[in-house]
N, C-alpha and C. Protein backbone atom coordinates (compact mmCIF):
# COMPACT_ATOMS: atom_id res chain seq x y z
N MET A 1 27.64 118.41 216.66
CA MET A 1 27.19 117.93 215.38
C MET A 1 28.35 117.79 214.39
N LYS A 2 29.27 118.82 214.39
CA LYS A 2 30.41 118.75 213.49
C LYS A 2 31.28 117.54 213.82
N GLY A 3 31.39 117.23 215.12
CA GLY A 3 32.19 116.08 215.55
C GLY A 3 31.65 114.78 214.98
N ILE A 4 30.32 114.64 214.97
CA ILE A 4 29.70 113.43 214.44
C ILE A 4 29.96 113.32 212.95
N ILE A 5 29.87 114.43 212.23
CA ILE A 5 30.12 114.42 210.79
C ILE A 5 31.56 114.04 210.50
N VAL A 6 32.51 114.61 211.26
CA VAL A 6 33.93 114.30 211.06
C VAL A 6 34.20 112.83 211.36
N ILE A 7 33.65 112.31 212.45
CA ILE A 7 33.85 110.90 212.80
C ILE A 7 33.24 110.01 211.73
N SER A 8 32.05 110.36 211.23
CA SER A 8 31.42 109.57 210.17
C SER A 8 32.26 109.57 208.91
N ALA A 9 32.80 110.72 208.54
CA ALA A 9 33.64 110.82 207.34
C ALA A 9 34.91 110.00 207.50
N LEU A 10 35.54 110.05 208.68
CA LEU A 10 36.74 109.26 208.93
C LEU A 10 36.44 107.77 208.88
N THR A 11 35.34 107.36 209.46
CA THR A 11 34.94 105.96 209.45
C THR A 11 34.73 105.47 208.03
N LEU A 12 34.04 106.25 207.21
CA LEU A 12 33.80 105.90 205.82
C LEU A 12 35.12 105.80 205.07
N SER A 13 36.01 106.76 205.27
CA SER A 13 37.30 106.75 204.60
C SER A 13 38.11 105.52 204.97
N LEU A 14 38.15 105.19 206.26
CA LEU A 14 38.88 104.00 206.70
C LEU A 14 38.27 102.73 206.12
N GLY A 15 36.95 102.68 206.02
CA GLY A 15 36.27 101.53 205.43
C GLY A 15 36.64 101.36 203.97
N LEU A 16 36.70 102.44 203.23
CA LEU A 16 37.07 102.36 201.82
C LEU A 16 38.52 101.94 201.67
N ILE A 17 39.39 102.45 202.53
CA ILE A 17 40.80 102.08 202.47
C ILE A 17 40.94 100.59 202.79
N ALA A 18 40.19 100.10 203.76
CA ALA A 18 40.29 98.70 204.16
C ALA A 18 39.77 97.77 203.08
N SER A 19 38.83 98.21 202.25
CA SER A 19 38.25 97.32 201.26
C SER A 19 39.07 97.24 199.98
N CYS A 20 40.01 98.13 199.77
CA CYS A 20 40.85 98.10 198.58
C CYS A 20 42.29 98.38 198.97
N SER A 21 43.21 97.60 198.43
CA SER A 21 44.62 97.88 198.63
C SER A 21 45.34 97.61 197.32
N SER A 22 46.42 98.33 197.06
CA SER A 22 47.13 98.18 195.81
C SER A 22 48.56 97.73 196.04
N VAL A 23 49.06 96.89 195.14
CA VAL A 23 50.43 96.44 195.15
C VAL A 23 50.96 96.59 193.73
N LYS A 24 52.11 97.26 193.57
CA LYS A 24 52.71 97.41 192.25
C LYS A 24 53.88 96.46 192.12
N LYS A 25 53.93 95.72 191.00
CA LYS A 25 55.00 94.79 190.75
C LYS A 25 55.15 94.62 189.25
N ASN A 26 56.35 94.84 188.73
CA ASN A 26 56.64 94.66 187.31
C ASN A 26 55.66 95.38 186.40
N ASP A 27 55.42 96.64 186.66
CA ASP A 27 54.53 97.48 185.86
C ASP A 27 53.09 96.98 185.80
N VAL A 28 52.69 96.15 186.74
CA VAL A 28 51.31 95.70 186.84
C VAL A 28 50.82 96.10 188.22
N GLU A 29 49.70 96.78 188.26
CA GLU A 29 49.13 97.18 189.54
C GLU A 29 48.04 96.18 189.89
N LYS A 30 48.18 95.56 191.06
CA LYS A 30 47.20 94.59 191.52
C LYS A 30 46.42 95.20 192.67
N GLU A 31 45.12 95.20 192.53
CA GLU A 31 44.26 95.80 193.54
C GLU A 31 43.30 94.74 194.05
N MET A 32 43.28 94.56 195.38
CA MET A 32 42.35 93.61 195.98
C MET A 32 41.06 94.37 196.27
N ILE A 33 39.96 93.83 195.77
CA ILE A 33 38.67 94.48 195.92
C ILE A 33 37.77 93.55 196.73
N ALA A 34 37.06 94.10 197.70
CA ALA A 34 36.20 93.30 198.58
C ALA A 34 34.76 93.77 198.47
N TYR A 35 33.85 92.81 198.53
CA TYR A 35 32.41 93.09 198.53
C TYR A 35 31.76 92.24 199.61
N GLY A 36 30.66 92.73 200.15
CA GLY A 36 29.90 91.99 201.14
C GLY A 36 30.16 92.47 202.55
N PRO A 37 29.30 92.08 203.48
CA PRO A 37 29.39 92.57 204.85
C PRO A 37 30.53 91.95 205.68
N THR A 38 31.10 90.83 205.23
CA THR A 38 32.14 90.15 206.00
C THR A 38 33.49 90.30 205.31
N LYS A 39 34.52 90.66 206.08
CA LYS A 39 35.87 90.73 205.55
C LYS A 39 36.41 89.30 205.45
N VAL A 40 36.92 88.94 204.29
CA VAL A 40 37.42 87.59 204.05
C VAL A 40 38.87 87.50 204.53
N ASP A 41 39.17 86.49 205.33
CA ASP A 41 40.53 86.23 205.78
C ASP A 41 41.13 85.19 204.82
N GLU A 42 41.91 85.67 203.85
CA GLU A 42 42.47 84.80 202.81
C GLU A 42 43.36 83.70 203.38
N THR A 43 43.95 83.92 204.56
CA THR A 43 44.84 82.92 205.15
C THR A 43 44.10 81.66 205.59
N LYS A 44 42.78 81.74 205.70
CA LYS A 44 41.98 80.59 206.11
C LYS A 44 41.38 79.84 204.92
N ALA A 45 41.69 80.29 203.70
CA ALA A 45 41.07 79.72 202.51
C ALA A 45 41.59 78.32 202.21
N ILE A 46 40.66 77.48 201.74
CA ILE A 46 41.00 76.13 201.28
C ILE A 46 40.64 76.04 199.81
N SER A 47 41.21 75.06 199.14
CA SER A 47 40.94 74.86 197.71
C SER A 47 39.53 74.28 197.50
N VAL A 48 39.08 74.35 196.28
CA VAL A 48 37.77 73.78 195.94
C VAL A 48 37.81 72.27 196.17
N ASN A 49 38.92 71.61 195.83
CA ASN A 49 39.05 70.16 196.06
C ASN A 49 38.87 69.82 197.54
N GLN A 50 39.54 70.57 198.42
CA GLN A 50 39.42 70.33 199.86
C GLN A 50 37.98 70.58 200.33
N PHE A 51 37.39 71.65 199.83
CA PHE A 51 36.01 72.01 200.17
C PHE A 51 35.05 70.87 199.80
N LEU A 52 35.14 70.38 198.56
CA LEU A 52 34.24 69.33 198.10
C LEU A 52 34.41 68.06 198.94
N ALA A 53 35.65 67.72 199.27
CA ALA A 53 35.90 66.54 200.10
C ALA A 53 35.28 66.71 201.49
N GLN A 54 35.40 67.91 202.05
CA GLN A 54 34.84 68.16 203.38
C GLN A 54 33.31 68.19 203.37
N MET A 55 32.71 68.55 202.25
CA MET A 55 31.24 68.63 202.18
C MET A 55 30.60 67.27 201.92
N GLU A 56 31.38 66.31 201.48
CA GLU A 56 30.85 64.97 201.19
C GLU A 56 30.17 64.40 202.42
N GLY A 57 28.87 64.13 202.33
CA GLY A 57 28.12 63.54 203.43
C GLY A 57 27.74 64.48 204.56
N LYS A 58 28.09 65.76 204.46
CA LYS A 58 27.74 66.73 205.53
C LYS A 58 26.28 67.14 205.41
N VAL A 59 25.70 67.50 206.55
CA VAL A 59 24.35 68.04 206.58
C VAL A 59 24.38 69.40 207.27
N GLY A 60 23.36 70.18 207.07
CA GLY A 60 23.29 71.50 207.69
C GLY A 60 24.23 72.49 207.03
N GLU A 61 24.33 73.68 207.65
CA GLU A 61 25.20 74.72 207.13
C GLU A 61 26.60 74.55 207.71
N ASN A 62 27.59 74.69 206.84
CA ASN A 62 28.98 74.52 207.21
C ASN A 62 29.76 75.74 206.74
N GLU A 63 30.50 76.38 207.64
CA GLU A 63 31.21 77.61 207.31
C GLU A 63 32.55 77.30 206.64
N PHE A 64 32.86 78.05 205.57
CA PHE A 64 34.10 77.86 204.82
C PHE A 64 34.63 79.19 204.32
N THR A 65 35.94 79.21 204.05
CA THR A 65 36.57 80.26 203.27
C THR A 65 37.25 79.54 202.12
N LEU A 66 36.90 79.92 200.90
CA LEU A 66 37.39 79.24 199.70
C LEU A 66 38.34 80.10 198.90
N ASP A 67 39.28 79.44 198.26
CA ASP A 67 40.15 80.03 197.25
C ASP A 67 39.70 79.37 195.95
N ALA A 68 39.01 80.12 195.10
CA ALA A 68 38.37 79.51 193.94
C ALA A 68 38.45 80.42 192.72
N GLN A 69 38.26 79.81 191.57
CA GLN A 69 38.28 80.56 190.31
C GLN A 69 36.83 80.79 189.84
N ILE A 70 36.54 82.04 189.46
CA ILE A 70 35.20 82.39 188.99
C ILE A 70 35.02 81.86 187.57
N ALA A 71 33.98 81.04 187.37
CA ALA A 71 33.71 80.45 186.06
C ALA A 71 32.63 81.23 185.31
N GLN A 72 31.75 81.92 186.04
CA GLN A 72 30.66 82.67 185.41
C GLN A 72 30.13 83.70 186.40
N VAL A 73 29.67 84.84 185.89
CA VAL A 73 29.10 85.90 186.72
C VAL A 73 27.70 86.20 186.19
N CYS A 74 26.75 86.40 187.09
CA CYS A 74 25.39 86.80 186.67
C CYS A 74 25.51 88.03 185.78
N SER A 75 25.03 87.92 184.56
CA SER A 75 25.19 89.01 183.59
C SER A 75 24.19 90.15 183.80
N LYS A 76 23.16 89.90 184.58
CA LYS A 76 22.14 90.94 184.79
C LYS A 76 22.46 91.86 185.95
N ALA A 77 22.93 91.29 187.08
CA ALA A 77 23.12 92.12 188.27
C ALA A 77 24.39 91.81 189.05
N GLY A 78 25.11 90.74 188.71
CA GLY A 78 26.28 90.37 189.49
C GLY A 78 25.92 89.80 190.85
N CYS A 79 24.74 89.18 190.95
CA CYS A 79 24.24 88.71 192.25
C CYS A 79 24.59 87.25 192.54
N TRP A 80 25.24 86.56 191.59
CA TRP A 80 25.72 85.21 191.83
C TRP A 80 26.91 84.95 190.92
N ILE A 81 27.69 83.95 191.29
CA ILE A 81 28.79 83.49 190.45
C ILE A 81 28.76 81.97 190.44
N ASN A 82 29.40 81.39 189.45
CA ASN A 82 29.62 79.95 189.43
C ASN A 82 31.11 79.70 189.62
N ILE A 83 31.42 78.67 190.38
CA ILE A 83 32.79 78.26 190.67
C ILE A 83 33.03 76.92 189.99
N LYS A 84 34.18 76.80 189.33
CA LYS A 84 34.50 75.56 188.62
C LYS A 84 34.98 74.50 189.59
N LYS A 85 34.46 73.28 189.39
CA LYS A 85 34.89 72.12 190.16
C LYS A 85 35.93 71.36 189.33
N PRO A 86 36.70 70.47 189.94
CA PRO A 86 37.73 69.72 189.21
C PRO A 86 37.19 68.90 188.03
N ASP A 87 35.93 68.47 188.11
CA ASP A 87 35.35 67.67 187.02
C ASP A 87 34.85 68.52 185.86
N GLY A 88 35.07 69.84 185.94
CA GLY A 88 34.64 70.75 184.87
C GLY A 88 33.25 71.32 185.07
N LYS A 89 32.47 70.72 185.96
CA LYS A 89 31.15 71.24 186.27
C LYS A 89 31.32 72.43 187.22
N THR A 90 30.22 73.07 187.56
CA THR A 90 30.30 74.23 188.44
C THR A 90 29.30 74.11 189.59
N PHE A 91 29.50 74.92 190.61
CA PHE A 91 28.48 75.09 191.63
C PHE A 91 28.26 76.59 191.82
N MET A 92 27.05 76.94 192.21
CA MET A 92 26.66 78.34 192.30
C MET A 92 26.94 78.91 193.68
N VAL A 93 27.39 80.16 193.68
CA VAL A 93 27.56 80.93 194.90
C VAL A 93 26.61 82.10 194.80
N ARG A 94 25.68 82.18 195.74
CA ARG A 94 24.79 83.33 195.81
C ARG A 94 25.28 84.23 196.94
N PHE A 95 24.99 85.52 196.83
CA PHE A 95 25.50 86.48 197.79
C PHE A 95 24.43 86.82 198.82
N LYS A 96 24.82 86.71 200.09
CA LYS A 96 23.92 86.98 201.21
C LYS A 96 23.36 88.39 201.12
N ASP A 97 22.10 88.53 201.44
CA ASP A 97 21.40 89.82 201.39
C ASP A 97 21.49 90.47 200.02
N HIS A 98 21.74 89.65 199.00
CA HIS A 98 21.73 90.07 197.59
C HIS A 98 22.75 91.18 197.28
N PHE A 99 23.91 91.20 197.99
CA PHE A 99 24.94 92.15 197.57
C PHE A 99 25.45 91.70 196.20
N THR A 100 26.08 92.58 195.47
CA THR A 100 26.49 92.26 194.11
C THR A 100 27.96 92.59 193.88
N ILE A 101 28.51 91.99 192.83
CA ILE A 101 29.84 92.34 192.34
C ILE A 101 29.65 92.87 190.92
N PRO A 102 30.64 93.55 190.35
CA PRO A 102 30.48 94.05 188.99
C PRO A 102 30.22 92.92 187.99
N THR A 103 29.28 93.13 187.10
CA THR A 103 28.95 92.11 186.10
C THR A 103 30.10 91.91 185.11
N LYS A 104 31.00 92.85 185.05
CA LYS A 104 32.14 92.74 184.14
C LYS A 104 33.34 92.05 184.78
N THR A 105 33.14 91.46 185.98
CA THR A 105 34.21 90.70 186.61
C THR A 105 34.60 89.57 185.66
N LEU A 106 35.87 89.44 185.41
CA LEU A 106 36.34 88.49 184.40
C LEU A 106 36.22 87.04 184.84
N VAL A 107 35.75 86.22 183.91
CA VAL A 107 35.76 84.78 184.12
C VAL A 107 37.23 84.38 184.23
N GLY A 108 37.54 83.51 185.16
CA GLY A 108 38.92 83.10 185.39
C GLY A 108 39.58 83.85 186.53
N THR A 109 38.92 84.87 187.06
CA THR A 109 39.46 85.63 188.18
C THR A 109 39.54 84.74 189.42
N GLN A 110 40.67 84.79 190.11
CA GLN A 110 40.83 84.05 191.35
C GLN A 110 40.18 84.86 192.47
N ALA A 111 39.37 84.21 193.30
CA ALA A 111 38.63 84.90 194.34
C ALA A 111 38.73 84.14 195.66
N TYR A 112 38.56 84.89 196.74
CA TYR A 112 38.44 84.32 198.08
C TYR A 112 37.01 84.61 198.54
N LEU A 113 36.33 83.56 199.00
CA LEU A 113 34.93 83.69 199.42
C LEU A 113 34.76 83.16 200.83
N HIS A 114 33.96 83.86 201.62
CA HIS A 114 33.61 83.37 202.95
C HIS A 114 32.10 83.20 202.98
N GLY A 115 31.65 82.11 203.60
CA GLY A 115 30.22 81.91 203.72
C GLY A 115 29.89 80.53 204.23
N VAL A 116 28.67 80.10 203.95
CA VAL A 116 28.20 78.79 204.39
C VAL A 116 27.80 77.94 203.19
N ALA A 117 28.09 76.65 203.32
CA ALA A 117 27.73 75.68 202.28
C ALA A 117 26.72 74.72 202.85
N TYR A 118 25.86 74.21 201.96
CA TYR A 118 24.83 73.27 202.37
C TYR A 118 24.26 72.61 201.12
N TRP A 119 23.60 71.49 201.31
CA TRP A 119 22.92 70.81 200.21
C TRP A 119 21.49 71.34 200.17
N ASP A 120 21.00 71.63 198.97
CA ASP A 120 19.70 72.30 198.84
C ASP A 120 18.96 71.81 197.61
N THR A 121 17.64 71.79 197.70
CA THR A 121 16.81 71.52 196.54
C THR A 121 16.44 72.85 195.91
N ILE A 122 16.83 73.04 194.67
CA ILE A 122 16.56 74.29 193.94
C ILE A 122 15.35 74.05 193.05
N PRO A 123 14.25 74.80 193.25
CA PRO A 123 13.05 74.62 192.44
C PRO A 123 13.30 74.93 190.96
N ALA A 124 12.54 74.30 190.09
CA ALA A 124 12.70 74.47 188.64
C ALA A 124 12.55 75.93 188.23
N ASP A 125 11.60 76.67 188.84
CA ASP A 125 11.41 78.06 188.44
C ASP A 125 12.63 78.93 188.78
N LEU A 126 13.30 78.62 189.90
CA LEU A 126 14.51 79.36 190.25
C LEU A 126 15.67 78.98 189.33
N LEU A 127 15.76 77.69 188.98
CA LEU A 127 16.77 77.26 188.02
C LEU A 127 16.56 77.94 186.66
N GLN A 128 15.30 78.12 186.27
CA GLN A 128 14.99 78.83 185.02
C GLN A 128 15.43 80.29 185.12
N HIS A 129 15.18 80.90 186.26
CA HIS A 129 15.59 82.29 186.48
C HIS A 129 17.11 82.43 186.36
N PHE A 130 17.85 81.51 186.99
CA PHE A 130 19.31 81.55 186.90
C PHE A 130 19.77 81.35 185.46
N ALA A 131 19.12 80.46 184.74
CA ALA A 131 19.48 80.22 183.33
C ALA A 131 19.24 81.47 182.49
N GLU A 132 18.15 82.17 182.78
CA GLU A 132 17.87 83.44 182.07
C GLU A 132 18.95 84.47 182.39
N ASP A 133 19.32 84.59 183.68
CA ASP A 133 20.41 85.50 184.08
C ASP A 133 21.72 85.16 183.39
N ALA A 134 21.93 83.88 183.12
CA ALA A 134 23.17 83.42 182.49
C ALA A 134 23.14 83.60 180.98
N GLY A 135 22.00 84.08 180.45
CA GLY A 135 21.92 84.33 179.01
C GLY A 135 21.57 83.11 178.18
N LYS A 136 20.99 82.10 178.80
CA LYS A 136 20.57 80.90 178.06
C LYS A 136 19.40 81.23 177.14
N SER A 137 19.25 80.44 176.09
CA SER A 137 18.18 80.66 175.12
C SER A 137 16.84 80.23 175.72
N PRO A 138 15.74 80.76 175.17
CA PRO A 138 14.41 80.33 175.66
C PRO A 138 14.21 78.81 175.54
N GLU A 139 14.79 78.21 174.52
CA GLU A 139 14.66 76.76 174.34
C GLU A 139 15.36 76.01 175.47
N GLU A 140 16.57 76.48 175.84
CA GLU A 140 17.31 75.84 176.93
C GLU A 140 16.57 76.01 178.26
N ILE A 141 16.01 77.20 178.47
CA ILE A 141 15.28 77.49 179.71
C ILE A 141 14.04 76.60 179.81
N ALA A 142 13.34 76.42 178.69
CA ALA A 142 12.12 75.61 178.67
C ALA A 142 12.39 74.14 179.02
N LYS A 143 13.61 73.67 178.79
CA LYS A 143 13.96 72.29 179.10
C LYS A 143 14.13 72.04 180.60
N ILE A 144 14.21 73.11 181.38
CA ILE A 144 14.37 72.97 182.83
C ILE A 144 12.98 72.81 183.45
N THR A 145 12.66 71.59 183.82
CA THR A 145 11.31 71.31 184.34
C THR A 145 11.32 70.63 185.71
N GLU A 146 12.49 70.19 186.16
CA GLU A 146 12.58 69.47 187.42
C GLU A 146 13.47 70.23 188.41
N PRO A 147 13.18 70.12 189.70
CA PRO A 147 14.08 70.71 190.70
C PRO A 147 15.40 69.95 190.71
N SER A 148 16.40 70.54 191.32
CA SER A 148 17.72 69.91 191.37
C SER A 148 18.23 69.95 192.81
N PHE A 149 18.75 68.82 193.29
CA PHE A 149 19.36 68.74 194.61
C PHE A 149 20.85 68.92 194.40
N GLU A 150 21.41 70.00 194.96
CA GLU A 150 22.80 70.31 194.68
C GLU A 150 23.47 71.06 195.82
N LEU A 151 24.77 71.14 195.69
CA LEU A 151 25.58 71.88 196.64
C LEU A 151 25.33 73.37 196.45
N ALA A 152 25.09 74.07 197.55
CA ALA A 152 24.85 75.52 197.50
C ALA A 152 25.85 76.21 198.41
N PHE A 153 26.20 77.44 198.07
CA PHE A 153 27.12 78.22 198.88
C PHE A 153 26.56 79.64 198.93
N GLN A 154 26.41 80.16 200.13
CA GLN A 154 25.96 81.53 200.30
C GLN A 154 27.12 82.32 200.89
N ALA A 155 27.67 83.23 200.07
CA ALA A 155 28.83 84.02 200.50
C ALA A 155 28.37 85.29 201.18
N ASP A 156 29.05 85.63 202.28
CA ASP A 156 28.80 86.91 202.93
C ASP A 156 29.98 87.86 202.73
N GLY A 157 30.97 87.39 201.96
CA GLY A 157 32.11 88.23 201.62
C GLY A 157 32.89 87.61 200.47
N ILE A 158 33.40 88.46 199.59
CA ILE A 158 34.24 88.00 198.48
C ILE A 158 35.33 89.05 198.26
N THR A 159 36.53 88.56 198.02
CA THR A 159 37.67 89.42 197.70
C THR A 159 38.33 88.83 196.46
N PHE A 160 38.64 89.69 195.50
CA PHE A 160 39.37 89.21 194.35
C PHE A 160 40.31 90.28 193.84
N GLU A 161 41.24 89.83 193.02
CA GLU A 161 42.28 90.70 192.53
C GLU A 161 41.86 91.32 191.20
N LYS A 162 41.98 92.61 191.15
CA LYS A 162 41.72 93.33 189.91
C LYS A 162 43.09 93.77 189.39
N THR A 163 43.47 93.31 188.22
CA THR A 163 44.78 93.61 187.67
C THR A 163 44.65 94.65 186.57
N LYS A 164 45.49 95.67 186.66
CA LYS A 164 45.49 96.74 185.64
C LYS A 164 46.90 96.90 185.11
N LYS A 165 47.04 96.84 183.80
CA LYS A 165 48.35 97.11 183.17
C LYS A 165 48.59 98.60 183.19
N LYS A 166 49.82 98.98 183.43
CA LYS A 166 50.16 100.42 183.46
C LYS A 166 50.62 100.87 182.11
């Protein structure tokens, strides 16, 4: 029994070490933080521009690893983010199995995301829910009455840099 407890403790410790690493440079400590069931391989990441070009005309689910900037974070639970596109608009990333990131994650943070992209029809009631999570006014929410056909991304892993001044 003691052996199982020791092995479990070691496994947990190694998992925590693997999910966070620190690099010190010029009095700034940079820590990579990971969330979700899948470890993101940053070396496979493509830009948002490349991603959008590859998704043009695609059907079904398509696997990607993205290098993207966070434009917005769900203020209620951290269960979704918006990624900025080159035209200034955004697309939503929802997290598989509803894992979350801290709601205080800074807008503008560079992130690596792994998951699947697909075109989807989002019902009006779900769009209203997202607008409420984003802190929109009741008047803005009431204006959402039609579903929207849009690019969707479901991430099963996200890694981003947390920078702390010393």
